[in-house]
Amino acid sequence: FGDCDDGDIEDGIPVNQLGNPFPLFSGRGAD
């Protein structure tokens, strides 16, 4: 949600600060 503004909040935090440890384009977990 990097293109969301700071006012888009869920669970008390702007969603643009959330990160995914399993980005599938990296190949991690794909197999």
PDB file of all heavy atoms in Angstrom:
ATOM      1  N   PHE A   1       0.832  -1.194   0.000  1.00  0.00           N
ATOM      2  CA  PHE A   1       0.000   0.000   0.000  1.00  0.00           C
ATOM      3  C   PHE A   1       0.871   1.251   0.000  1.00  0.00           C
ATOM      4  O   PHE A   1       0.518   2.270   0.592  1.00  0.00           O
ATOM      5  CB  PHE A   1      -0.939  -0.016   1.206  1.00  0.00           C
ATOM      6  CG  PHE A   1      -1.947  -1.137   1.162  1.00  0.00           C
ATOM      7  CD1 PHE A   1      -1.792  -2.258   1.963  1.00  0.00           C
ATOM      8  CD2 PHE A   1      -3.031  -1.076   0.307  1.00  0.00           C
ATOM      9  CE1 PHE A   1      -2.723  -3.289   1.921  1.00  0.00           C
ATOM     10  CE2 PHE A   1      -3.958  -2.101   0.253  1.00  0.00           C
ATOM     11  CZ  PHE A   1      -3.809  -3.219   1.059  1.00  0.00           C
ATOM     12  N   GLY A   2       1.996   1.178  -0.684  1.00  0.00           N
ATOM     13  CA  GLY A   2       2.919   2.293  -0.710  1.00  0.00           C
ATOM     14  C   GLY A   2       2.373   3.538  -1.372  1.00  0.00           C
ATOM     15  O   GLY A   2       2.875   4.638  -1.145  1.00  0.00           O
ATOM     16  N   ASP A   3       1.323   3.388  -2.185  1.00  0.00           N
ATOM     17  CA  ASP A   3       0.746   4.549  -2.861  1.00  0.00           C
ATOM     18  C   ASP A   3      -0.407   5.163  -2.079  1.00  0.00           C
ATOM     19  O   ASP A   3      -1.043   6.115  -2.549  1.00  0.00           O
ATOM     20  CB  ASP A   3       0.280   4.170  -4.265  1.00  0.00           C
ATOM     21  CG  ASP A   3      -0.753   3.047  -4.268  1.00  0.00           C
ATOM     22  OD1 ASP A   3      -0.916   2.384  -3.223  1.00  0.00           O
ATOM     23  OD2 ASP A   3      -1.383   2.828  -5.326  1.00  0.00           O
ATOM     24  N   CYS A   4      -0.687   4.633  -0.876  1.00  0.00           N
ATOM     25  CA  CYS A   4      -1.753   5.195  -0.044  1.00  0.00           C
ATOM     26  C   CYS A   4      -1.196   6.347   0.800  1.00  0.00           C
ATOM     27  O   CYS A   4      -0.021   6.354   1.169  1.00  0.00           O
ATOM     28  CB  CYS A   4      -2.338   4.121   0.881  1.00  0.00           C
ATOM     29  SG  CYS A   4      -3.204   2.798   0.007  1.00  0.00           S
ATOM     30  N   ASP A   5      -2.060   7.302   1.126  1.00  0.00           N
ATOM     31  CA  ASP A   5      -1.577   8.424   1.936  1.00  0.00           C
ATOM     32  C   ASP A   5      -1.577   8.047   3.412  1.00  0.00           C
ATOM     33  O   ASP A   5      -2.102   7.001   3.815  1.00  0.00           O
ATOM     34  CB  ASP A   5      -2.402   9.684   1.674  1.00  0.00           C
ATOM     35  CG  ASP A   5      -3.881   9.534   2.031  1.00  0.00           C
ATOM     36  OD1 ASP A   5      -4.186   8.951   3.091  1.00  0.00           O
ATOM     37  OD2 ASP A   5      -4.730  10.005   1.253  1.00  0.00           O
ATOM     38  N   ASP A   6      -0.980   8.915   4.227  1.00  0.00           N
ATOM     39  CA  ASP A   6      -0.810   8.612   5.651  1.00  0.00           C
ATOM     40  C   ASP A   6      -2.129   8.549   6.412  1.00  0.00           C
ATOM     41  O   ASP A   6      -2.176   8.017   7.526  1.00  0.00           O
ATOM     42  CB  ASP A   6       0.101   9.660   6.309  1.00  0.00           C
ATOM     43  CG  ASP A   6       1.539   9.573   5.826  1.00  0.00           C
ATOM     44  OD1 ASP A   6       1.915   8.508   5.292  1.00  0.00           O
ATOM     45  OD2 ASP A   6       2.282  10.563   5.973  1.00  0.00           O
ATOM     46  N   GLY A   7      -3.187   9.073   5.813  1.00  0.00           N
ATOM     47  CA  GLY A   7      -4.476   9.047   6.486  1.00  0.00           C
ATOM     48  C   GLY A   7      -5.243   7.757   6.312  1.00  0.00           C
ATOM     49  O   GLY A   7      -6.285   7.564   6.936  1.00  0.00           O
ATOM     50  N   ASP A   8      -4.727   6.837   5.487  1.00  0.00           N
ATOM     51  CA  ASP A   8      -5.379   5.534   5.292  1.00  0.00           C
ATOM     52  C   ASP A   8      -4.842   4.601   6.365  1.00  0.00           C
ATOM     53  O   ASP A   8      -3.737   4.062   6.266  1.00  0.00           O
ATOM     54  CB  ASP A   8      -5.062   5.004   3.897  1.00  0.00           C
ATOM     55  CG  ASP A   8      -5.916   3.786   3.533  1.00  0.00           C
ATOM     56  OD1 ASP A   8      -6.515   3.176   4.438  1.00  0.00           O
ATOM     57  OD2 ASP A   8      -5.968   3.445   2.338  1.00  0.00           O
ATOM     58  N   ILE A   9      -5.630   4.417   7.421  1.00  0.00           N
ATOM     59  CA  ILE A   9      -5.154   3.729   8.627  1.00  0.00           C
ATOM     60  C   ILE A   9      -5.993   2.495   8.922  1.00  0.00           C
ATOM     61  O   ILE A   9      -7.225   2.521   8.808  1.00  0.00           O
ATOM     62  CB  ILE A   9      -5.197   4.695   9.835  1.00  0.00           C
ATOM     63  CG1 ILE A   9      -4.191   5.844   9.617  1.00  0.00           C
ATOM     64  CG2 ILE A   9      -4.899   3.960  11.138  1.00  0.00           C
ATOM     65  CD1 ILE A   9      -4.260   6.916  10.668  1.00  0.00           C
ATOM     66  N   GLU A  10      -5.332   1.417   9.283  1.00  0.00           N
ATOM     67  CA  GLU A  10      -5.988   0.231   9.828  1.00  0.00           C
ATOM     68  C   GLU A  10      -5.191  -0.244  11.030  1.00  0.00           C
ATOM     69  O   GLU A  10      -3.955  -0.262  11.010  1.00  0.00           O
ATOM     70  CB  GLU A  10      -6.086  -0.885   8.779  1.00  0.00           C
ATOM     71  CG  GLU A  10      -7.155  -0.634   7.731  1.00  0.00           C
ATOM     72  CD  GLU A  10      -7.662  -1.918   7.095  1.00  0.00           C
ATOM     73  OE1 GLU A  10      -7.699  -2.955   7.796  1.00  0.00           O
ATOM     74  OE2 GLU A  10      -8.023  -1.880   5.907  1.00  0.00           O
ATOM     75  N   ASP A  11      -5.909  -0.630  12.071  1.00  0.00           N
ATOM     76  CA  ASP A  11      -5.293  -1.122  13.311  1.00  0.00           C
ATOM     77  C   ASP A  11      -4.287  -0.111  13.860  1.00  0.00           C
ATOM     78  O   ASP A  11      -3.221  -0.474  14.362  1.00  0.00           O
ATOM     79  CB  ASP A  11      -4.623  -2.477  13.066  1.00  0.00           C
ATOM     80  CG  ASP A  11      -4.307  -3.215  14.371  1.00  0.00           C
ATOM     81  OD1 ASP A  11      -4.946  -2.906  15.394  1.00  0.00           O
ATOM     82  OD2 ASP A  11      -3.413  -4.090  14.364  1.00  0.00           O
ATOM     83  N   GLY A  12      -4.619   1.167  13.726  1.00  0.00           N
ATOM     84  CA  GLY A  12      -3.820   2.210  14.335  1.00  0.00           C
ATOM     85  C   GLY A  12      -2.555   2.605  13.616  1.00  0.00           C
ATOM     86  O   GLY A  12      -1.737   3.352  14.173  1.00  0.00           O
ATOM     87  N   ILE A  13      -2.362   2.141  12.392  1.00  0.00           N
ATOM     88  CA  ILE A  13      -1.127   2.456  11.677  1.00  0.00           C
ATOM     89  C   ILE A  13      -1.432   2.725  10.215  1.00  0.00           C
ATOM     90  O   ILE A  13      -2.309   2.070   9.619  1.00  0.00           O
ATOM     91  CB  ILE A  13      -0.099   1.300  11.801  1.00  0.00           C
ATOM     92  CG1 ILE A  13       1.249   1.695  11.207  1.00  0.00           C
ATOM     93  CG2 ILE A  13      -0.612   0.035  11.149  1.00  0.00           C
ATOM     94  CD1 ILE A  13       2.344   0.683  11.497  1.00  0.00           C
ATOM     95  N   PRO A  14      -0.764   3.719   9.608  1.00  0.00           N
ATOM     96  CA  PRO A  14      -0.958   3.942   8.165  1.00  0.00           C
ATOM     97  C   PRO A  14      -0.589   2.681   7.392  1.00  0.00           C
ATOM     98  O   PRO A  14       0.459   2.071   7.623  1.00  0.00           O
ATOM     99  CB  PRO A  14       0.000   5.091   7.851  1.00  0.00           C
ATOM    100  CG  PRO A  14       0.184   5.799   9.153  1.00  0.00           C
ATOM    101  CD  PRO A  14       0.131   4.728  10.206  1.00  0.00           C
ATOM    102  N   VAL A  15      -1.432   2.287   6.465  1.00  0.00           N
ATOM    103  CA  VAL A  15      -1.186   1.040   5.738  1.00  0.00           C
ATOM    104  C   VAL A  15       0.060   1.126   4.858  1.00  0.00           C
ATOM    105  O   VAL A  15       0.637   0.101   4.491  1.00  0.00           O
ATOM    106  CB  VAL A  15      -2.403   0.638   4.885  1.00  0.00           C
ATOM    107  CG1 VAL A  15      -3.586   0.291   5.773  1.00  0.00           C
ATOM    108  CG2 VAL A  15      -2.767   1.714   3.878  1.00  0.00           C
ATOM    109  N   ASN A  16       0.508   2.359   4.538  1.00  0.00           N
ATOM    110  CA  ASN A  16       1.718   2.472   3.715  1.00  0.00           C
ATOM    111  C   ASN A  16       2.991   2.132   4.484  1.00  0.00           C
ATOM    112  O   ASN A  16       4.082   2.108   3.908  1.00  0.00           O
ATOM    113  CB  ASN A  16       1.825   3.861   3.073  1.00  0.00           C
ATOM    114  CG  ASN A  16       1.873   4.993   4.089  1.00  0.00           C
ATOM    115  OD1 ASN A  16       2.190   4.798   5.264  1.00  0.00           O
ATOM    116  ND2 ASN A  16       1.550   6.199   3.622  1.00  0.00           N
ATOM    117  N   GLN A  17       2.864   1.862   5.796  1.00  0.00           N
ATOM    118  CA  GLN A  17       4.016   1.442   6.587  1.00  0.00           C
ATOM    119  C   GLN A  17       4.097  -0.081   6.759  1.00  0.00           C
ATOM    120  O   GLN A  17       5.047  -0.587   7.367  1.00  0.00           O
ATOM    121  CB  GLN A  17       3.980   2.100   7.967  1.00  0.00           C
ATOM    122  CG  GLN A  17       4.154   3.607   7.945  1.00  0.00           C
ATOM    123  CD  GLN A  17       4.199   4.200   9.323  1.00  0.00           C
ATOM    124  OE1 GLN A  17       4.498   3.514  10.311  1.00  0.00           O
ATOM    125  NE2 GLN A  17       3.910   5.491   9.429  1.00  0.00           N
ATOM    126  N   LEU A  18       3.119  -0.786   6.246  1.00  0.00           N
ATOM    127  CA  LEU A  18       3.089  -2.240   6.381  1.00  0.00           C
ATOM    128  C   LEU A  18       3.925  -2.890   5.285  1.00  0.00           C
ATOM    129  O   LEU A  18       3.955  -2.429   4.144  1.00  0.00           O
ATOM    130  CB  LEU A  18       1.646  -2.744   6.299  1.00  0.00           C
ATOM    131  CG  LEU A  18       0.677  -2.182   7.345  1.00  0.00           C
ATOM    132  CD1 LEU A  18      -0.743  -2.654   7.061  1.00  0.00           C
ATOM    133  CD2 LEU A  18       1.097  -2.585   8.751  1.00  0.00           C
ATOM    134  N   GLY A  19       4.615  -3.978   5.647  1.00  0.00           N
ATOM    135  CA  GLY A  19       5.454  -4.677   4.680  1.00  0.00           C
ATOM    136  C   GLY A  19       5.211  -6.170   4.690  1.00  0.00           C
ATOM    137  O   GLY A  19       4.809  -6.752   5.699  1.00  0.00           O
ATOM    138  N   ASN A  20       5.462  -6.820   3.551  1.00  0.00           N
ATOM    139  CA  ASN A  20       5.193  -8.242   3.378  1.00  0.00           C
ATOM    140  C   ASN A  20       6.502  -9.024   3.329  1.00  0.00           C
ATOM    141  O   ASN A  20       7.333  -8.787   2.452  1.00  0.00           O
ATOM    142  CB  ASN A  20       4.421  -8.441   2.070  1.00  0.00           C
ATOM    143  CG  ASN A  20       3.884  -9.841   1.901  1.00  0.00           C
ATOM    144  OD1 ASN A  20       4.343 -10.779   2.536  1.00  0.00           O
ATOM    145  ND2 ASN A  20       2.905  -9.990   1.027  1.00  0.00           N
ATOM    146  N   PRO A  21       6.718  -9.956   4.251  1.00  0.00           N
ATOM    147  CA  PRO A  21       7.954 -10.751   4.220  1.00  0.00           C
ATOM    148  C   PRO A  21       7.944 -11.852   3.162  1.00  0.00           C
ATOM    149  O   PRO A  21       8.945 -12.536   2.977  1.00  0.00           O
ATOM    150  CB  PRO A  21       8.008 -11.368   5.622  1.00  0.00           C
ATOM    151  CG  PRO A  21       6.568 -11.502   6.013  1.00  0.00           C
ATOM    152  CD  PRO A  21       5.884 -10.301   5.416  1.00  0.00           C
ATOM    153  N   PHE A  22       6.822 -12.022   2.470  1.00  0.00           N
ATOM    154  CA  PHE A  22       6.714 -13.076   1.460  1.00  0.00           C
ATOM    155  C   PHE A  22       6.344 -12.503   0.091  1.00  0.00           C
ATOM    156  O   PHE A  22       5.320 -12.881  -0.491  1.00  0.00           O
ATOM    157  CB  PHE A  22       5.671 -14.119   1.879  1.00  0.00           C
ATOM    158  CG  PHE A  22       5.807 -14.607   3.283  1.00  0.00           C
ATOM    159  CD1 PHE A  22       4.774 -14.469   4.182  1.00  0.00           C
ATOM    160  CD2 PHE A  22       6.995 -15.192   3.712  1.00  0.00           C
ATOM    161  CE1 PHE A  22       4.902 -14.920   5.489  1.00  0.00           C
ATOM    162  CE2 PHE A  22       7.125 -15.633   5.020  1.00  0.00           C
ATOM    163  CZ  PHE A  22       6.085 -15.496   5.914  1.00  0.00           C
ATOM    164  N   PRO A  23       7.154 -11.586  -0.448  1.00  0.00           N
ATOM    165  CA  PRO A  23       6.846 -11.089  -1.792  1.00  0.00           C
ATOM    166  C   PRO A  23       7.107 -12.183  -2.820  1.00  0.00           C
ATOM    167  O   PRO A  23       8.233 -12.624  -3.008  1.00  0.00           O
ATOM    168  CB  PRO A  23       7.820  -9.912  -1.958  1.00  0.00           C
ATOM    169  CG  PRO A  23       8.979 -10.262  -1.083  1.00  0.00           C
ATOM    170  CD  PRO A  23       8.415 -11.037   0.079  1.00  0.00           C
ATOM    171  N   LEU A  24       6.061 -12.640  -3.474  1.00  0.00           N
ATOM    172  CA  LEU A  24       6.196 -13.820  -4.332  1.00  0.00           C
ATOM    173  C   LEU A  24       7.095 -13.574  -5.536  1.00  0.00           C
ATOM    174  O   LEU A  24       7.649 -14.524  -6.088  1.00  0.00           O
ATOM    175  CB  LEU A  24       4.821 -14.299  -4.785  1.00  0.00           C
ATOM    176  CG  LEU A  24       3.911 -14.809  -3.662  1.00  0.00           C
ATOM    177  CD1 LEU A  24       2.632 -15.368  -4.239  1.00  0.00           C
ATOM    178  CD2 LEU A  24       4.612 -15.870  -2.838  1.00  0.00           C
ATOM    179  N   PHE A  25       7.274 -12.292  -5.932  1.00  0.00           N
ATOM    180  CA  PHE A  25       8.161 -12.058  -7.062  1.00  0.00           C
ATOM    181  C   PHE A  25       9.603 -12.416  -6.722  1.00  0.00           C
ATOM    182  O   PHE A  25      10.431 -12.617  -7.601  1.00  0.00           O
ATOM    183  CB  PHE A  25       8.074 -10.605  -7.539  1.00  0.00           C
ATOM    184  CG  PHE A  25       8.572  -9.593  -6.545  1.00  0.00           C
ATOM    185  CD1 PHE A  25       9.930  -9.363  -6.388  1.00  0.00           C
ATOM    186  CD2 PHE A  25       7.688  -8.864  -5.777  1.00  0.00           C
ATOM    187  CE1 PHE A  25      10.394  -8.428  -5.472  1.00  0.00           C
ATOM    188  CE2 PHE A  25       8.136  -7.934  -4.866  1.00  0.00           C
ATOM    189  CZ  PHE A  25       9.502  -7.713  -4.711  1.00  0.00           C
ATOM    190  N   SER A  26       9.918 -12.518  -5.431  1.00  0.00           N
ATOM    191  CA  SER A  26      11.274 -12.897  -5.018  1.00  0.00           C
ATOM    192  C   SER A  26      11.520 -14.389  -5.212  1.00  0.00           C
ATOM    193  O   SER A  26      12.662 -14.844  -5.163  1.00  0.00           O
ATOM    194  CB  SER A  26      11.486 -12.554  -3.545  1.00  0.00           C
ATOM    195  OG  SER A  26      10.739 -13.430  -2.709  1.00  0.00           O
ATOM    196  N   GLY A  27      10.439 -15.141  -5.399  1.00  0.00           N
ATOM    197  CA  GLY A  27      10.558 -16.587  -5.535  1.00  0.00           C
ATOM    198  C   GLY A  27      10.445 -17.328  -4.217  1.00  0.00           C
ATOM    199  O   GLY A  27      10.307 -18.548  -4.197  1.00  0.00           O
ATOM    200  N   ARG A  28      10.499 -16.587  -3.103  1.00  0.00           N
ATOM    201  CA  ARG A  28      10.415 -17.242  -1.794  1.00  0.00           C
ATOM    202  C   ARG A  28       9.038 -17.873  -1.595  1.00  0.00           C
ATOM    203  O   ARG A  28       8.016 -17.208  -1.678  1.00  0.00           O
ATOM    204  CB  ARG A  28      10.678 -16.230  -0.681  1.00  0.00           C
ATOM    205  CG  ARG A  28      10.739 -16.847   0.715  1.00  0.00           C
ATOM    206  CD  ARG A  28      10.824 -15.776   1.785  1.00  0.00           C
ATOM    207  NE  ARG A  28      11.944 -14.872   1.549  1.00  0.00           N
ATOM    208  CZ  ARG A  28      12.097 -13.717   2.214  1.00  0.00           C
ATOM    209  NH1 ARG A  28      11.218 -13.348   3.114  1.00  0.00           N
ATOM    210  NH2 ARG A  28      13.137 -12.944   1.962  1.00  0.00           N
ATOM    211  N   GLY A  29       9.002 -19.167  -1.363  1.00  0.00           N
ATOM    212  CA  GLY A  29       7.747 -19.865  -1.135  1.00  0.00           C
ATOM    213  C   GLY A  29       7.036 -20.302  -2.399  1.00  0.00           C
ATOM    214  O   GLY A  29       6.037 -21.023  -2.321  1.00  0.00           O
ATOM    215  N   ALA A  30       7.532 -19.885  -3.562  1.00  0.00           N
ATOM    216  CA  ALA A  30       6.816 -20.176  -4.810  1.00  0.00           C
ATOM    217  C   ALA A  30       6.740 -21.675  -5.084  1.00  0.00           C
ATOM    218  O   ALA A  30       5.693 -22.190  -5.492  1.00  0.00           O
ATOM    219  CB  ALA A  30       7.474 -19.452  -5.977  1.00  0.00           C
ATOM    220  N   ASP A  31       7.838 -22.394  -4.865  1.00  0.00           N
ATOM    221  CA  ASP A  31       7.833 -23.830  -5.137  1.00  0.00           C
ATOM    222  C   ASP A  31       6.850 -24.561  -4.223  1.00  0.00           C
ATOM    223  O   ASP A  31       6.111 -25.449  -4.663  1.00  0.00           O
ATOM    224  CB  ASP A  31       9.240 -24.415  -4.967  1.00  0.00           C
ATOM    225  CG  ASP A  31      10.186 -23.977  -6.069  1.00  0.00           C
ATOM    226  OD1 ASP A  31       9.698 -23.551  -7.138  1.00  0.00           O
ATOM    227  OD2 ASP A  31      11.414 -24.059  -5.871  1.00  0.00           O
TER     228      ASP A  31
END
